[in-house]
């Protein structure tokens, strides 16, 4: 399941909902990405996307994860719009019979979301705005899969 939304989400409610009906799964792994202000100068992060393209890309990568690992479920939530430090950006949850599949699939999805998902991020700093450039280490993380 994939959700691309502007509104904030309730992490506890989302995880409770995701886990419902998964009694045959032995592991549920989740990760929540948060806007961080590393140097004290970030006022906001603006995230843009093309709705049709984004949903299709995230659905495809979720299906890819389901095919690579023995999963009982996948959930991806990714926000767009203007977010401030401390706001949740995204959530990934995976369910599997065994923890290794759940952890690896979640990490794969996070690496994809960080490096290839069709979102564009602009940092609004105290002294101006700048687009966030792709980072080599994010691409390296994805290549291992």
N, C-alpha and C. Protein backbone atom coordinates (compact mmCIF):
# COMPACT_ATOMS: atom_id res chain seq x y z
N UNK A 1 0.83 -1.17 0.00
CA UNK A 1 0.00 0.00 0.00
C UNK A 1 0.88 1.24 0.00
N UNK A 2 0.52 2.20 -0.82
CA UNK A 2 1.28 3.43 -0.98
C UNK A 2 0.37 4.63 -0.76
N UNK A 3 0.85 5.59 0.03
CA UNK A 3 0.13 6.83 0.22
C UNK A 3 1.10 7.98 -0.01
N UNK A 4 0.74 8.91 -0.89
CA UNK A 4 1.50 10.13 -1.09
C UNK A 4 0.55 11.25 -0.69
N UNK A 5 0.94 12.01 0.31
CA UNK A 5 -0.01 12.96 0.89
C UNK A 5 0.69 14.19 1.43
N UNK A 6 -0.05 15.26 1.52
CA UNK A 6 0.46 16.49 2.10
C UNK A 6 0.29 16.50 3.62
N UNK A 7 -0.79 15.89 4.08
CA UNK A 7 -1.13 15.92 5.51
C UNK A 7 -0.17 15.07 6.34
N UNK A 8 -0.03 15.49 7.59
CA UNK A 8 0.75 14.70 8.55
C UNK A 8 0.03 13.37 8.79
N UNK A 9 0.76 12.37 9.29
CA UNK A 9 0.17 11.08 9.60
C UNK A 9 0.46 10.71 11.03
N UNK A 10 -0.41 9.88 11.58
CA UNK A 10 -0.27 9.39 12.95
C UNK A 10 0.47 8.06 12.87
N UNK A 11 1.73 8.06 13.25
CA UNK A 11 2.58 6.88 13.12
C UNK A 11 1.99 5.67 13.85
N UNK A 12 1.54 5.87 15.08
CA UNK A 12 0.98 4.75 15.84
C UNK A 12 -0.25 4.17 15.16
N UNK A 13 -1.14 5.02 14.71
CA UNK A 13 -2.35 4.55 14.03
C UNK A 13 -2.01 3.83 12.74
N UNK A 14 -1.05 4.35 12.00
CA UNK A 14 -0.66 3.71 10.74
C UNK A 14 -0.06 2.33 10.98
N UNK A 15 0.79 2.20 11.99
CA UNK A 15 1.38 0.90 12.30
C UNK A 15 0.35 -0.08 12.84
N UNK A 16 -0.56 0.40 13.66
CA UNK A 16 -1.64 -0.47 14.15
C UNK A 16 -2.47 -0.99 12.99
N UNK A 17 -2.83 -0.11 12.08
CA UNK A 17 -3.62 -0.49 10.91
C UNK A 17 -2.86 -1.48 10.04
N UNK A 18 -1.57 -1.21 9.83
CA UNK A 18 -0.75 -2.09 8.99
C UNK A 18 -0.67 -3.50 9.59
N UNK A 19 -0.53 -3.60 10.92
CA UNK A 19 -0.37 -4.89 11.57
C UNK A 19 -1.64 -5.71 11.71
N UNK A 20 -2.79 -5.08 11.49
CA UNK A 20 -4.06 -5.79 11.62
C UNK A 20 -4.15 -6.90 10.58
N UNK A 21 -4.45 -8.09 11.03
CA UNK A 21 -4.62 -9.22 10.12
C UNK A 21 -3.33 -9.91 9.72
N UNK A 22 -2.23 -9.56 10.34
CA UNK A 22 -0.94 -10.17 9.99
C UNK A 22 -0.46 -11.13 11.08
N UNK A 23 -1.37 -11.90 11.66
CA UNK A 23 -1.04 -12.79 12.77
C UNK A 23 -0.04 -13.87 12.37
N UNK A 24 0.07 -14.17 11.08
CA UNK A 24 1.02 -15.20 10.64
C UNK A 24 2.41 -14.62 10.35
N UNK A 25 2.60 -13.34 10.57
CA UNK A 25 3.90 -12.70 10.36
C UNK A 25 4.62 -12.62 11.70
N UNK A 26 5.90 -12.93 11.71
CA UNK A 26 6.67 -12.90 12.94
C UNK A 26 7.42 -11.60 13.16
N UNK A 27 7.43 -10.72 12.15
CA UNK A 27 8.18 -9.47 12.27
C UNK A 27 7.48 -8.35 11.52
N UNK A 28 7.41 -7.20 12.15
CA UNK A 28 7.00 -5.97 11.49
C UNK A 28 8.09 -4.96 11.77
N UNK A 29 8.67 -4.42 10.71
CA UNK A 29 9.74 -3.44 10.82
C UNK A 29 9.22 -2.12 10.26
N UNK A 30 9.53 -1.03 10.95
CA UNK A 30 9.13 0.28 10.45
C UNK A 30 10.27 1.28 10.59
N UNK A 31 10.22 2.26 9.73
CA UNK A 31 11.17 3.37 9.76
C UNK A 31 10.40 4.63 9.46
N UNK A 32 10.70 5.68 10.18
CA UNK A 32 10.08 6.97 9.95
C UNK A 32 11.17 8.00 9.70
N UNK A 33 11.11 8.67 8.56
CA UNK A 33 12.04 9.74 8.24
C UNK A 33 11.49 11.06 8.74
N UNK A 34 12.39 11.88 9.30
CA UNK A 34 12.00 13.15 9.91
C UNK A 34 12.87 14.27 9.32
N UNK A 35 12.29 15.44 9.11
CA UNK A 35 13.06 16.60 8.65
C UNK A 35 14.05 16.96 9.75
N UNK A 36 15.31 17.05 9.38
CA UNK A 36 16.33 17.38 10.38
C UNK A 36 17.02 18.69 9.99
N UNK A 37 17.42 19.41 11.00
CA UNK A 37 18.14 20.66 10.83
C UNK A 37 19.53 20.46 11.38
N UNK A 38 20.45 20.10 10.51
CA UNK A 38 21.80 19.74 10.93
C UNK A 38 22.58 20.95 11.44
N UNK A 39 22.50 22.06 10.74
CA UNK A 39 23.35 23.21 11.07
C UNK A 39 22.59 24.36 11.75
N UNK A 40 21.34 24.18 12.07
CA UNK A 40 20.58 25.23 12.73
C UNK A 40 20.06 26.30 11.80
N UNK A 41 20.21 26.12 10.50
CA UNK A 41 19.78 27.15 9.56
C UNK A 41 18.56 26.79 8.72
N UNK A 42 18.02 25.59 8.89
CA UNK A 42 16.89 25.16 8.07
C UNK A 42 15.59 25.68 8.65
N UNK A 43 14.86 26.44 7.84
CA UNK A 43 13.54 26.91 8.25
C UNK A 43 12.45 25.96 7.79
N UNK A 44 12.62 25.39 6.59
CA UNK A 44 11.62 24.47 6.05
C UNK A 44 12.22 23.68 4.90
N UNK A 45 11.59 22.55 4.61
CA UNK A 45 11.93 21.74 3.43
C UNK A 45 10.66 21.67 2.59
N UNK A 46 10.80 21.99 1.33
CA UNK A 46 9.68 21.92 0.41
C UNK A 46 9.88 20.70 -0.48
N UNK A 47 8.89 19.82 -0.53
CA UNK A 47 8.98 18.61 -1.33
C UNK A 47 7.94 18.67 -2.43
N UNK A 48 8.41 18.53 -3.67
CA UNK A 48 7.53 18.56 -4.84
C UNK A 48 7.54 17.20 -5.51
N UNK A 49 6.48 16.93 -6.29
CA UNK A 49 6.40 15.67 -7.04
C UNK A 49 5.34 15.80 -8.12
N UNK A 50 5.33 14.83 -9.06
CA UNK A 50 4.28 14.70 -10.06
C UNK A 50 3.39 13.56 -9.62
N UNK A 51 2.15 13.86 -9.20
CA UNK A 51 1.29 12.86 -8.55
C UNK A 51 1.17 11.52 -9.28
N UNK A 52 0.83 11.49 -10.53
CA UNK A 52 0.66 10.22 -11.23
C UNK A 52 1.96 9.42 -11.30
N UNK A 53 3.04 10.10 -11.60
CA UNK A 53 4.33 9.43 -11.73
C UNK A 53 4.81 8.92 -10.37
N UNK A 54 4.65 9.70 -9.34
CA UNK A 54 5.14 9.32 -8.01
C UNK A 54 4.44 8.07 -7.49
N UNK A 55 3.11 8.07 -7.55
CA UNK A 55 2.36 6.91 -7.05
C UNK A 55 2.75 5.64 -7.79
N UNK A 56 2.86 5.71 -9.10
CA UNK A 56 3.23 4.53 -9.90
C UNK A 56 4.63 4.05 -9.54
N UNK A 57 5.56 4.97 -9.37
CA UNK A 57 6.94 4.58 -9.03
C UNK A 57 6.99 3.90 -7.66
N UNK A 58 6.27 4.44 -6.69
CA UNK A 58 6.29 3.85 -5.35
C UNK A 58 5.57 2.50 -5.32
N UNK A 59 4.50 2.39 -6.07
CA UNK A 59 3.81 1.10 -6.16
C UNK A 59 4.71 0.05 -6.81
N UNK A 60 5.47 0.45 -7.82
CA UNK A 60 6.38 -0.48 -8.49
C UNK A 60 7.49 -0.95 -7.56
N UNK A 61 8.05 -0.05 -6.77
CA UNK A 61 9.13 -0.46 -5.87
C UNK A 61 8.59 -1.30 -4.73
N UNK A 62 7.37 -1.04 -4.28
CA UNK A 62 6.75 -1.88 -3.25
C UNK A 62 6.53 -3.30 -3.79
N UNK A 63 6.07 -3.40 -5.04
CA UNK A 63 5.88 -4.71 -5.67
C UNK A 63 7.22 -5.41 -5.84
N UNK A 64 8.26 -4.66 -6.19
CA UNK A 64 9.60 -5.23 -6.33
C UNK A 64 10.05 -5.83 -4.99
N UNK A 65 9.84 -5.10 -3.90
CA UNK A 65 10.22 -5.61 -2.57
C UNK A 65 9.44 -6.87 -2.23
N UNK A 66 8.15 -6.89 -2.55
CA UNK A 66 7.32 -8.08 -2.29
C UNK A 66 7.86 -9.29 -3.04
N UNK A 67 8.39 -9.06 -4.24
CA UNK A 67 8.93 -10.14 -5.05
C UNK A 67 10.31 -10.60 -4.61
N UNK A 68 11.10 -9.71 -4.07
CA UNK A 68 12.47 -10.05 -3.66
C UNK A 68 12.53 -10.76 -2.31
N UNK A 69 11.63 -10.39 -1.40
CA UNK A 69 11.62 -10.96 -0.06
C UNK A 69 10.28 -11.61 0.20
N UNK A 70 10.26 -12.51 1.14
CA UNK A 70 9.02 -13.19 1.51
C UNK A 70 8.27 -12.31 2.50
N UNK A 71 7.44 -11.42 1.96
CA UNK A 71 6.74 -10.43 2.77
C UNK A 71 5.25 -10.71 2.81
N UNK A 72 4.65 -10.36 3.92
CA UNK A 72 3.20 -10.42 4.05
C UNK A 72 2.55 -9.08 3.82
N UNK A 73 3.36 -8.02 3.77
CA UNK A 73 2.82 -6.69 3.52
C UNK A 73 3.89 -5.63 3.47
N UNK A 74 3.56 -4.54 2.77
CA UNK A 74 4.43 -3.36 2.65
C UNK A 74 3.54 -2.13 2.75
N UNK A 75 4.03 -1.13 3.44
CA UNK A 75 3.33 0.15 3.47
C UNK A 75 4.35 1.26 3.33
N UNK A 76 4.06 2.21 2.44
CA UNK A 76 4.89 3.39 2.24
C UNK A 76 3.99 4.61 2.34
N UNK A 77 4.38 5.54 3.18
CA UNK A 77 3.73 6.85 3.22
C UNK A 77 4.83 7.88 2.97
N UNK A 78 4.59 8.78 2.04
CA UNK A 78 5.55 9.86 1.78
C UNK A 78 4.79 11.16 1.64
N UNK A 79 5.26 12.15 2.35
CA UNK A 79 4.60 13.46 2.32
C UNK A 79 5.23 14.38 1.29
N UNK A 80 4.49 15.40 0.92
CA UNK A 80 4.99 16.48 0.07
C UNK A 80 4.49 17.79 0.64
N UNK A 81 4.99 18.88 0.08
CA UNK A 81 4.60 20.20 0.57
C UNK A 81 5.69 20.79 1.45
N UNK A 82 5.31 21.76 2.23
CA UNK A 82 6.26 22.47 3.10
C UNK A 82 6.29 21.82 4.49
N UNK A 83 7.47 21.34 4.88
CA UNK A 83 7.67 20.68 6.16
C UNK A 83 8.75 21.42 6.94
N UNK A 84 8.63 21.40 8.24
CA UNK A 84 9.60 22.08 9.10
C UNK A 84 10.39 21.04 9.90
N UNK A 85 11.55 21.44 10.43
CA UNK A 85 12.33 20.48 11.22
C UNK A 85 11.47 19.81 12.31
N UNK A 86 11.61 18.49 12.38
CA UNK A 86 10.84 17.69 13.33
C UNK A 86 9.62 17.04 12.71
N UNK A 87 9.16 17.53 11.55
CA UNK A 87 8.01 16.91 10.88
C UNK A 87 8.40 15.56 10.28
N UNK A 88 7.46 14.64 10.29
CA UNK A 88 7.67 13.34 9.63
C UNK A 88 7.55 13.55 8.12
N UNK A 89 8.52 12.97 7.38
CA UNK A 89 8.50 13.03 5.92
C UNK A 89 7.89 11.75 5.36
N UNK A 90 8.33 10.63 5.88
CA UNK A 90 7.91 9.35 5.31
C UNK A 90 7.94 8.24 6.33
N UNK A 91 7.26 7.14 5.97
CA UNK A 91 7.25 5.94 6.78
C UNK A 91 7.30 4.74 5.85
N UNK A 92 8.07 3.76 6.22
CA UNK A 92 8.11 2.48 5.54
C UNK A 92 7.81 1.41 6.59
N UNK A 93 6.94 0.47 6.25
CA UNK A 93 6.70 -0.67 7.13
C UNK A 93 6.69 -1.93 6.27
N UNK A 94 7.28 -2.98 6.80
CA UNK A 94 7.29 -4.27 6.12
C UNK A 94 6.93 -5.34 7.14
N UNK A 95 6.26 -6.38 6.66
CA UNK A 95 5.89 -7.51 7.52
C UNK A 95 6.36 -8.78 6.84
N UNK A 96 6.96 -9.67 7.63
CA UNK A 96 7.45 -10.93 7.10
C UNK A 96 7.39 -11.99 8.20
N UNK A 97 7.45 -13.25 7.80
CA UNK A 97 7.48 -14.33 8.78
C UNK A 97 8.73 -14.26 9.64
N UNK A 98 9.83 -13.79 9.03
CA UNK A 98 11.11 -13.74 9.73
C UNK A 98 11.71 -12.34 9.62
N UNK A 99 12.39 -11.92 10.67
CA UNK A 99 12.88 -10.55 10.75
C UNK A 99 13.87 -10.17 9.66
N UNK A 100 14.69 -11.10 9.21
CA UNK A 100 15.69 -10.76 8.21
C UNK A 100 15.01 -10.21 6.96
N UNK A 101 13.97 -10.88 6.47
CA UNK A 101 13.26 -10.38 5.29
C UNK A 101 12.64 -9.02 5.55
N UNK A 102 12.05 -8.84 6.73
CA UNK A 102 11.40 -7.57 7.05
C UNK A 102 12.43 -6.44 7.12
N UNK A 103 13.56 -6.67 7.76
CA UNK A 103 14.59 -5.64 7.87
C UNK A 103 15.20 -5.31 6.51
N UNK A 104 15.58 -6.34 5.75
CA UNK A 104 16.21 -6.10 4.45
C UNK A 104 15.27 -5.38 3.49
N UNK A 105 14.02 -5.79 3.45
CA UNK A 105 13.06 -5.15 2.55
C UNK A 105 12.84 -3.69 2.95
N UNK A 106 12.75 -3.43 4.24
CA UNK A 106 12.57 -2.04 4.70
C UNK A 106 13.78 -1.20 4.33
N UNK A 107 14.96 -1.73 4.51
CA UNK A 107 16.18 -0.98 4.16
C UNK A 107 16.26 -0.72 2.66
N UNK A 108 15.91 -1.72 1.86
CA UNK A 108 15.86 -1.55 0.40
C UNK A 108 14.91 -0.42 0.02
N UNK A 109 13.72 -0.43 0.59
CA UNK A 109 12.72 0.61 0.29
C UNK A 109 13.21 1.99 0.72
N UNK A 110 13.84 2.08 1.87
CA UNK A 110 14.36 3.36 2.33
C UNK A 110 15.47 3.87 1.41
N UNK A 111 16.34 2.97 0.98
CA UNK A 111 17.41 3.37 0.06
C UNK A 111 16.83 3.88 -1.25
N UNK A 112 15.80 3.21 -1.75
CA UNK A 112 15.15 3.66 -2.97
C UNK A 112 14.52 5.04 -2.77
N UNK A 113 13.77 5.20 -1.69
CA UNK A 113 13.09 6.47 -1.44
C UNK A 113 14.09 7.62 -1.31
N UNK A 114 15.22 7.36 -0.73
CA UNK A 114 16.23 8.41 -0.54
C UNK A 114 16.93 8.80 -1.85
N UNK A 115 17.10 7.84 -2.75
CA UNK A 115 17.91 8.13 -3.94
C UNK A 115 17.15 8.21 -5.26
N UNK A 116 16.06 7.49 -5.42
CA UNK A 116 15.43 7.40 -6.74
C UNK A 116 13.96 7.79 -6.81
N UNK A 117 13.29 7.86 -5.69
CA UNK A 117 11.86 8.21 -5.74
C UNK A 117 11.71 9.59 -6.37
N UNK A 118 10.69 9.78 -7.18
CA UNK A 118 10.53 11.05 -7.92
C UNK A 118 9.98 12.19 -7.05
N UNK A 119 10.82 12.62 -6.11
CA UNK A 119 10.51 13.79 -5.29
C UNK A 119 11.67 14.77 -5.47
N UNK A 120 11.35 16.06 -5.41
CA UNK A 120 12.37 17.09 -5.49
C UNK A 120 12.27 17.92 -4.22
N UNK A 121 13.43 18.11 -3.59
CA UNK A 121 13.45 18.78 -2.29
C UNK A 121 14.21 20.09 -2.38
N UNK A 122 13.61 21.11 -1.80
CA UNK A 122 14.25 22.42 -1.71
C UNK A 122 14.33 22.80 -0.24
N UNK A 123 15.55 23.14 0.17
CA UNK A 123 15.76 23.60 1.54
C UNK A 123 15.59 25.11 1.59
N UNK A 124 14.77 25.56 2.51
CA UNK A 124 14.61 26.99 2.75
C UNK A 124 15.43 27.31 3.99
N UNK A 125 16.55 27.98 3.75
CA UNK A 125 17.50 28.31 4.81
C UNK A 125 17.32 29.76 5.23
N UNK A 126 17.89 30.14 6.33
CA UNK A 126 17.79 31.51 6.81
C UNK A 126 18.36 32.51 5.80
N UNK A 127 19.33 32.07 5.01
CA UNK A 127 19.97 32.97 4.05
C UNK A 127 19.61 32.66 2.60
N UNK A 128 18.50 31.97 2.34
CA UNK A 128 18.07 31.68 0.97
C UNK A 128 17.60 30.25 0.82
N UNK A 129 17.29 29.90 -0.41
CA UNK A 129 16.78 28.55 -0.70
C UNK A 129 17.70 27.86 -1.70
N UNK A 130 17.73 26.52 -1.61
CA UNK A 130 18.55 25.73 -2.54
C UNK A 130 17.93 24.36 -2.72
N UNK A 131 18.02 23.84 -3.95
CA UNK A 131 17.57 22.49 -4.23
C UNK A 131 18.57 21.51 -3.64
N UNK A 132 18.08 20.41 -3.13
CA UNK A 132 18.94 19.37 -2.55
C UNK A 132 19.46 18.49 -3.68
N UNK A 133 20.76 18.40 -3.78
CA UNK A 133 21.40 17.59 -4.82
C UNK A 133 21.48 16.13 -4.40
N UNK A 134 21.51 15.25 -5.39
CA UNK A 134 21.69 13.83 -5.13
C UNK A 134 23.05 13.61 -4.47
N UNK A 135 23.10 12.64 -3.57
CA UNK A 135 24.35 12.34 -2.87
C UNK A 135 24.87 10.99 -3.32
N UNK A 136 26.16 10.92 -3.55
CA UNK A 136 26.80 9.69 -3.98
C UNK A 136 26.59 8.53 -3.03
N UNK A 137 26.64 8.80 -1.73
CA UNK A 137 26.48 7.72 -0.76
C UNK A 137 25.07 7.12 -0.78
N UNK A 138 24.07 7.94 -1.18
CA UNK A 138 22.71 7.40 -1.31
C UNK A 138 22.63 6.44 -2.50
N UNK A 139 23.26 6.81 -3.60
CA UNK A 139 23.31 5.93 -4.77
C UNK A 139 24.08 4.65 -4.45
N UNK A 140 25.19 4.78 -3.73
CA UNK A 140 25.98 3.61 -3.34
C UNK A 140 25.15 2.65 -2.50
N UNK A 141 24.35 3.18 -1.59
CA UNK A 141 23.50 2.34 -0.74
C UNK A 141 22.50 1.55 -1.58
N UNK A 142 21.94 2.19 -2.59
CA UNK A 142 20.96 1.51 -3.44
C UNK A 142 21.61 0.45 -4.32
N UNK A 143 22.83 0.70 -4.77
CA UNK A 143 23.51 -0.24 -5.68
C UNK A 143 23.74 -1.62 -5.04
N UNK A 144 23.82 -1.68 -3.75
CA UNK A 144 24.09 -2.98 -3.12
C UNK A 144 22.93 -3.95 -3.27
N UNK A 145 21.75 -3.45 -3.62
CA UNK A 145 20.60 -4.31 -3.79
C UNK A 145 20.54 -4.82 -5.21
